[in-house]
Amino acid sequence: MNKSILGVALATAFVFAPNLSANVEHSASTAVKALEQNKKLAKLNLNTVSYEQLVKVPGIGKSRAKAVIAYIEKNGKLDSFEQLKSVKGIGKGTLNKLKQNFVIE
């Protein structure tokens, strides 16, 4: 009798296991999408960012943060990140860090 119960339990597990796997994959996919959306929402507008917020970005530092803020104050709002290439100390690496952490609106 125990063998037949075990057999039924195993058969049931094999029947429902693919459905459980699909649900887990769907849940993981949904979670990843939610994290990506939150990341986008968490980005600050570089045109309105404060010095204090800017220096918190790893690799930006005080002097680059001051230079970015000064450039925006002098030239007005940015239309693209590429405009910052003319700022001393801002190269491809710094631009990439800014793009990862900020948006331009």
N, C-alpha and C. Protein backbone atom coordinates (compact mmCIF):
# COMPACT_ATOMS: atom_id res chain seq x y z
N MET A 1 0.82 -1.19 0.00
CA MET A 1 0.00 0.00 0.00
C MET A 1 0.87 1.26 0.00
N ASN A 2 1.92 1.25 0.81
CA ASN A 2 2.80 2.41 0.85
C ASN A 2 3.46 2.66 -0.49
N LYS A 3 3.75 1.57 -1.22
CA LYS A 3 4.38 1.72 -2.53
C LYS A 3 3.41 2.38 -3.52
N SER A 4 2.14 2.03 -3.43
CA SER A 4 1.17 2.62 -4.35
C SER A 4 0.95 4.10 -4.04
N ILE A 5 0.96 4.46 -2.78
CA ILE A 5 0.82 5.88 -2.40
C ILE A 5 2.04 6.66 -2.88
N LEU A 6 3.21 6.06 -2.71
CA LEU A 6 4.44 6.69 -3.17
C LEU A 6 4.41 6.86 -4.69
N GLY A 7 3.92 5.85 -5.39
CA GLY A 7 3.82 5.91 -6.85
C GLY A 7 2.89 7.02 -7.30
N VAL A 8 1.75 7.15 -6.65
CA VAL A 8 0.79 8.20 -6.99
C VAL A 8 1.40 9.58 -6.70
N ALA A 9 2.09 9.70 -5.59
CA ALA A 9 2.72 10.97 -5.23
C ALA A 9 3.77 11.37 -6.26
N LEU A 10 4.59 10.41 -6.68
CA LEU A 10 5.61 10.71 -7.68
C LEU A 10 4.99 11.07 -9.03
N ALA A 11 3.96 10.34 -9.41
CA ALA A 11 3.28 10.64 -10.68
C ALA A 11 2.68 12.04 -10.65
N THR A 12 2.07 12.39 -9.54
CA THR A 12 1.49 13.72 -9.39
C THR A 12 2.57 14.79 -9.46
N ALA A 13 3.69 14.54 -8.83
CA ALA A 13 4.80 15.50 -8.86
C ALA A 13 5.30 15.72 -10.27
N PHE A 14 5.43 14.65 -11.04
CA PHE A 14 5.90 14.77 -12.42
C PHE A 14 4.90 15.52 -13.30
N VAL A 15 3.62 15.36 -13.01
CA VAL A 15 2.59 16.04 -13.80
C VAL A 15 2.60 17.54 -13.53
N PHE A 16 2.75 17.94 -12.27
CA PHE A 16 2.65 19.35 -11.91
C PHE A 16 3.98 20.10 -11.89
N ALA A 17 5.09 19.40 -11.92
CA ALA A 17 6.40 20.05 -11.85
C ALA A 17 6.63 21.04 -12.99
N PRO A 18 6.30 20.73 -14.25
CA PRO A 18 6.52 21.72 -15.31
C PRO A 18 5.74 23.01 -15.09
N ASN A 19 4.53 22.92 -14.56
CA ASN A 19 3.74 24.12 -14.29
C ASN A 19 4.38 24.97 -13.20
N LEU A 20 4.92 24.34 -12.19
CA LEU A 20 5.59 25.07 -11.12
C LEU A 20 6.82 25.78 -11.65
N SER A 21 7.56 25.11 -12.50
CA SER A 21 8.76 25.69 -13.10
C SER A 21 8.41 26.92 -13.92
N ALA A 22 7.35 26.84 -14.71
CA ALA A 22 6.92 27.98 -15.52
C ALA A 22 6.53 29.15 -14.64
N ASN A 23 5.84 28.88 -13.53
CA ASN A 23 5.45 29.95 -12.61
C ASN A 23 6.65 30.62 -11.98
N VAL A 24 7.65 29.84 -11.62
CA VAL A 24 8.87 30.39 -11.01
C VAL A 24 9.60 31.27 -12.03
N GLU A 25 9.70 30.79 -13.27
CA GLU A 25 10.37 31.57 -14.31
C GLU A 25 9.62 32.88 -14.56
N HIS A 26 8.30 32.82 -14.61
CA HIS A 26 7.49 34.03 -14.83
C HIS A 26 7.69 35.01 -13.68
N SER A 27 7.69 34.51 -12.45
CA SER A 27 7.88 35.37 -11.28
C SER A 27 9.25 36.02 -11.30
N ALA A 28 10.28 35.27 -11.67
CA ALA A 28 11.63 35.82 -11.74
C ALA A 28 11.71 36.88 -12.82
N SER A 29 11.10 36.63 -13.95
CA SER A 29 11.10 37.59 -15.05
C SER A 29 10.39 38.88 -14.64
N THR A 30 9.28 38.76 -13.95
CA THR A 30 8.54 39.91 -13.47
C THR A 30 9.36 40.71 -12.46
N ALA A 31 10.06 40.02 -11.59
CA ALA A 31 10.89 40.69 -10.58
C ALA A 31 12.03 41.46 -11.24
N VAL A 32 12.65 40.88 -12.25
CA VAL A 32 13.75 41.56 -12.95
C VAL A 32 13.23 42.81 -13.64
N LYS A 33 12.08 42.72 -14.28
CA LYS A 33 11.49 43.89 -14.95
C LYS A 33 11.17 44.99 -13.94
N ALA A 34 10.67 44.62 -12.78
CA ALA A 34 10.35 45.60 -11.75
C ALA A 34 11.61 46.29 -11.24
N LEU A 35 12.69 45.54 -11.06
CA LEU A 35 13.95 46.13 -10.62
C LEU A 35 14.49 47.11 -11.66
N GLU A 36 14.42 46.74 -12.94
CA GLU A 36 14.88 47.63 -13.99
C GLU A 36 14.06 48.91 -14.02
N GLN A 37 12.76 48.81 -13.83
CA GLN A 37 11.89 49.98 -13.81
C GLN A 37 12.22 50.87 -12.62
N ASN A 38 12.45 50.28 -11.46
CA ASN A 38 12.81 51.06 -10.27
C ASN A 38 14.14 51.77 -10.47
N LYS A 39 15.07 51.12 -11.14
CA LYS A 39 16.36 51.73 -11.41
C LYS A 39 16.19 52.99 -12.26
N LYS A 40 15.34 52.91 -13.26
CA LYS A 40 15.07 54.06 -14.11
C LYS A 40 14.42 55.18 -13.32
N LEU A 41 13.49 54.82 -12.44
CA LEU A 41 12.81 55.82 -11.65
C LEU A 41 13.74 56.47 -10.64
N ALA A 42 14.76 55.77 -10.21
CA ALA A 42 15.67 56.28 -9.19
C ALA A 42 16.67 57.28 -9.75
N LYS A 43 16.81 57.36 -11.07
CA LYS A 43 17.79 58.28 -11.65
C LYS A 43 17.32 59.72 -11.49
N LEU A 44 18.26 60.58 -11.13
CA LEU A 44 17.97 62.00 -10.96
C LEU A 44 18.26 62.74 -12.25
N ASN A 45 17.61 63.88 -12.42
CA ASN A 45 17.83 64.73 -13.58
C ASN A 45 19.14 65.48 -13.38
N LEU A 46 20.08 65.31 -14.29
CA LEU A 46 21.38 65.95 -14.16
C LEU A 46 21.27 67.47 -14.21
N ASN A 47 20.25 68.00 -14.87
CA ASN A 47 20.07 69.45 -14.93
C ASN A 47 19.65 70.06 -13.60
N THR A 48 19.10 69.27 -12.71
CA THR A 48 18.61 69.80 -11.44
C THR A 48 19.31 69.19 -10.23
N VAL A 49 20.30 68.35 -10.47
CA VAL A 49 20.99 67.66 -9.39
C VAL A 49 21.82 68.65 -8.56
N SER A 50 21.95 68.35 -7.29
CA SER A 50 22.78 69.19 -6.42
C SER A 50 24.22 68.67 -6.41
N TYR A 51 25.10 69.51 -5.96
CA TYR A 51 26.51 69.12 -5.81
C TYR A 51 26.61 67.90 -4.89
N GLU A 52 25.87 67.94 -3.78
CA GLU A 52 25.91 66.85 -2.80
C GLU A 52 25.47 65.52 -3.41
N GLN A 53 24.47 65.55 -4.28
CA GLN A 53 24.01 64.32 -4.93
C GLN A 53 25.04 63.83 -5.95
N LEU A 54 25.65 64.76 -6.63
CA LEU A 54 26.60 64.42 -7.69
C LEU A 54 27.88 63.78 -7.13
N VAL A 55 28.38 64.29 -6.02
CA VAL A 55 29.62 63.74 -5.47
C VAL A 55 29.43 62.33 -4.89
N LYS A 56 28.20 61.91 -4.67
CA LYS A 56 27.95 60.57 -4.16
C LYS A 56 28.18 59.49 -5.21
N VAL A 57 28.24 59.88 -6.47
CA VAL A 57 28.44 58.90 -7.55
C VAL A 57 29.91 58.48 -7.54
N PRO A 58 30.18 57.18 -7.39
CA PRO A 58 31.57 56.72 -7.38
C PRO A 58 32.31 57.13 -8.65
N GLY A 59 33.49 57.72 -8.46
CA GLY A 59 34.31 58.11 -9.59
C GLY A 59 34.10 59.53 -10.06
N ILE A 60 33.11 60.22 -9.53
CA ILE A 60 32.87 61.61 -9.96
C ILE A 60 33.75 62.55 -9.14
N GLY A 61 33.68 62.48 -7.86
CA GLY A 61 34.53 63.29 -7.00
C GLY A 61 34.13 64.75 -6.94
N LYS A 62 34.79 65.48 -6.06
CA LYS A 62 34.46 66.88 -5.80
C LYS A 62 34.76 67.78 -6.99
N SER A 63 35.94 67.64 -7.57
CA SER A 63 36.32 68.56 -8.65
C SER A 63 35.46 68.36 -9.89
N ARG A 64 35.18 67.13 -10.26
CA ARG A 64 34.31 66.89 -11.42
C ARG A 64 32.89 67.35 -11.14
N ALA A 65 32.41 67.12 -9.93
CA ALA A 65 31.06 67.57 -9.57
C ALA A 65 30.96 69.09 -9.68
N LYS A 66 31.96 69.79 -9.16
CA LYS A 66 31.98 71.25 -9.26
C LYS A 66 32.00 71.69 -10.72
N ALA A 67 32.80 71.01 -11.53
CA ALA A 67 32.92 71.37 -12.94
C ALA A 67 31.59 71.16 -13.68
N VAL A 68 30.90 70.07 -13.39
CA VAL A 68 29.62 69.80 -14.05
C VAL A 68 28.59 70.85 -13.64
N ILE A 69 28.51 71.14 -12.36
CA ILE A 69 27.56 72.14 -11.86
C ILE A 69 27.87 73.50 -12.47
N ALA A 70 29.15 73.87 -12.50
CA ALA A 70 29.55 75.16 -13.07
C ALA A 70 29.19 75.24 -14.55
N TYR A 71 29.41 74.17 -15.28
CA TYR A 71 29.08 74.14 -16.71
C TYR A 71 27.59 74.37 -16.93
N ILE A 72 26.77 73.69 -16.14
CA ILE A 72 25.31 73.82 -16.28
C ILE A 72 24.87 75.23 -15.91
N GLU A 73 25.45 75.79 -14.85
CA GLU A 73 25.09 77.15 -14.44
C GLU A 73 25.48 78.17 -15.50
N LYS A 74 26.63 77.97 -16.13
CA LYS A 74 27.13 78.91 -17.13
C LYS A 74 26.40 78.78 -18.47
N ASN A 75 26.16 77.54 -18.92
CA ASN A 75 25.63 77.29 -20.26
C ASN A 75 24.14 76.95 -20.31
N GLY A 76 23.52 76.81 -19.18
CA GLY A 76 22.10 76.45 -19.16
C GLY A 76 21.91 74.94 -19.17
N LYS A 77 20.66 74.55 -19.22
CA LYS A 77 20.32 73.13 -19.14
C LYS A 77 20.95 72.33 -20.27
N LEU A 78 21.33 71.11 -19.93
CA LEU A 78 21.91 70.19 -20.91
C LEU A 78 20.82 69.59 -21.78
N ASP A 79 21.16 69.38 -23.05
CA ASP A 79 20.28 68.65 -23.96
C ASP A 79 20.75 67.21 -24.12
N SER A 80 22.06 66.99 -23.89
CA SER A 80 22.62 65.64 -24.02
C SER A 80 23.86 65.54 -23.14
N PHE A 81 24.23 64.32 -22.84
CA PHE A 81 25.43 64.07 -22.05
C PHE A 81 26.68 64.48 -22.82
N GLU A 82 26.61 64.40 -24.13
CA GLU A 82 27.78 64.69 -24.97
C GLU A 82 28.28 66.12 -24.77
N GLN A 83 27.42 67.03 -24.37
CA GLN A 83 27.83 68.41 -24.12
C GLN A 83 28.91 68.49 -23.03
N LEU A 84 28.91 67.53 -22.14
CA LEU A 84 29.86 67.55 -21.03
C LEU A 84 31.28 67.17 -21.44
N LYS A 85 31.45 66.71 -22.67
CA LYS A 85 32.80 66.37 -23.14
C LYS A 85 33.72 67.58 -23.13
N SER A 86 33.15 68.77 -23.21
CA SER A 86 33.98 69.98 -23.21
C SER A 86 34.40 70.40 -21.80
N VAL A 87 33.89 69.72 -20.78
CA VAL A 87 34.26 70.02 -19.40
C VAL A 87 35.56 69.30 -19.06
N LYS A 88 36.51 70.06 -18.51
CA LYS A 88 37.80 69.48 -18.13
C LYS A 88 37.59 68.35 -17.13
N GLY A 89 38.22 67.20 -17.41
CA GLY A 89 38.14 66.06 -16.51
C GLY A 89 36.99 65.10 -16.82
N ILE A 90 36.17 65.45 -17.80
CA ILE A 90 35.06 64.58 -18.18
C ILE A 90 35.41 63.87 -19.48
N GLY A 91 35.64 62.58 -19.38
CA GLY A 91 35.93 61.76 -20.55
C GLY A 91 34.86 60.68 -20.70
N LYS A 92 35.17 59.68 -21.50
CA LYS A 92 34.20 58.61 -21.75
C LYS A 92 33.79 57.88 -20.48
N GLY A 93 34.77 57.60 -19.62
CA GLY A 93 34.47 56.87 -18.39
C GLY A 93 33.53 57.64 -17.48
N THR A 94 33.80 58.92 -17.30
CA THR A 94 32.94 59.74 -16.45
C THR A 94 31.57 59.91 -17.09
N LEU A 95 31.53 60.09 -18.40
CA LEU A 95 30.24 60.19 -19.09
C LEU A 95 29.41 58.93 -18.87
N ASN A 96 30.04 57.78 -18.95
CA ASN A 96 29.32 56.52 -18.74
C ASN A 96 28.76 56.44 -17.32
N LYS A 97 29.53 56.88 -16.34
CA LYS A 97 29.05 56.88 -14.96
C LYS A 97 27.86 57.82 -14.79
N LEU A 98 27.95 58.98 -15.44
CA LEU A 98 26.84 59.93 -15.37
C LEU A 98 25.59 59.36 -16.04
N LYS A 99 25.78 58.71 -17.18
CA LYS A 99 24.64 58.12 -17.90
C LYS A 99 23.98 57.01 -17.10
N GLN A 100 24.77 56.27 -16.34
CA GLN A 100 24.23 55.18 -15.53
C GLN A 100 23.42 55.69 -14.35
N ASN A 101 23.74 56.88 -13.87
CA ASN A 101 23.13 57.37 -12.64
C ASN A 101 22.16 58.52 -12.81
N PHE A 102 22.14 59.16 -13.97
CA PHE A 102 21.32 60.34 -14.17
C PHE A 102 20.59 60.29 -15.50
N VAL A 103 19.60 61.14 -15.63
CA VAL A 103 18.91 61.37 -16.90
C VAL A 103 19.01 62.85 -17.20
N ILE A 104 18.78 63.20 -18.45
CA ILE A 104 18.72 64.62 -18.83
C ILE A 104 17.32 64.89 -19.32
N GLU A 105 16.65 65.77 -18.62
CA GLU A 105 15.27 66.14 -18.98
C GLU A 105 15.14 67.64 -19.09
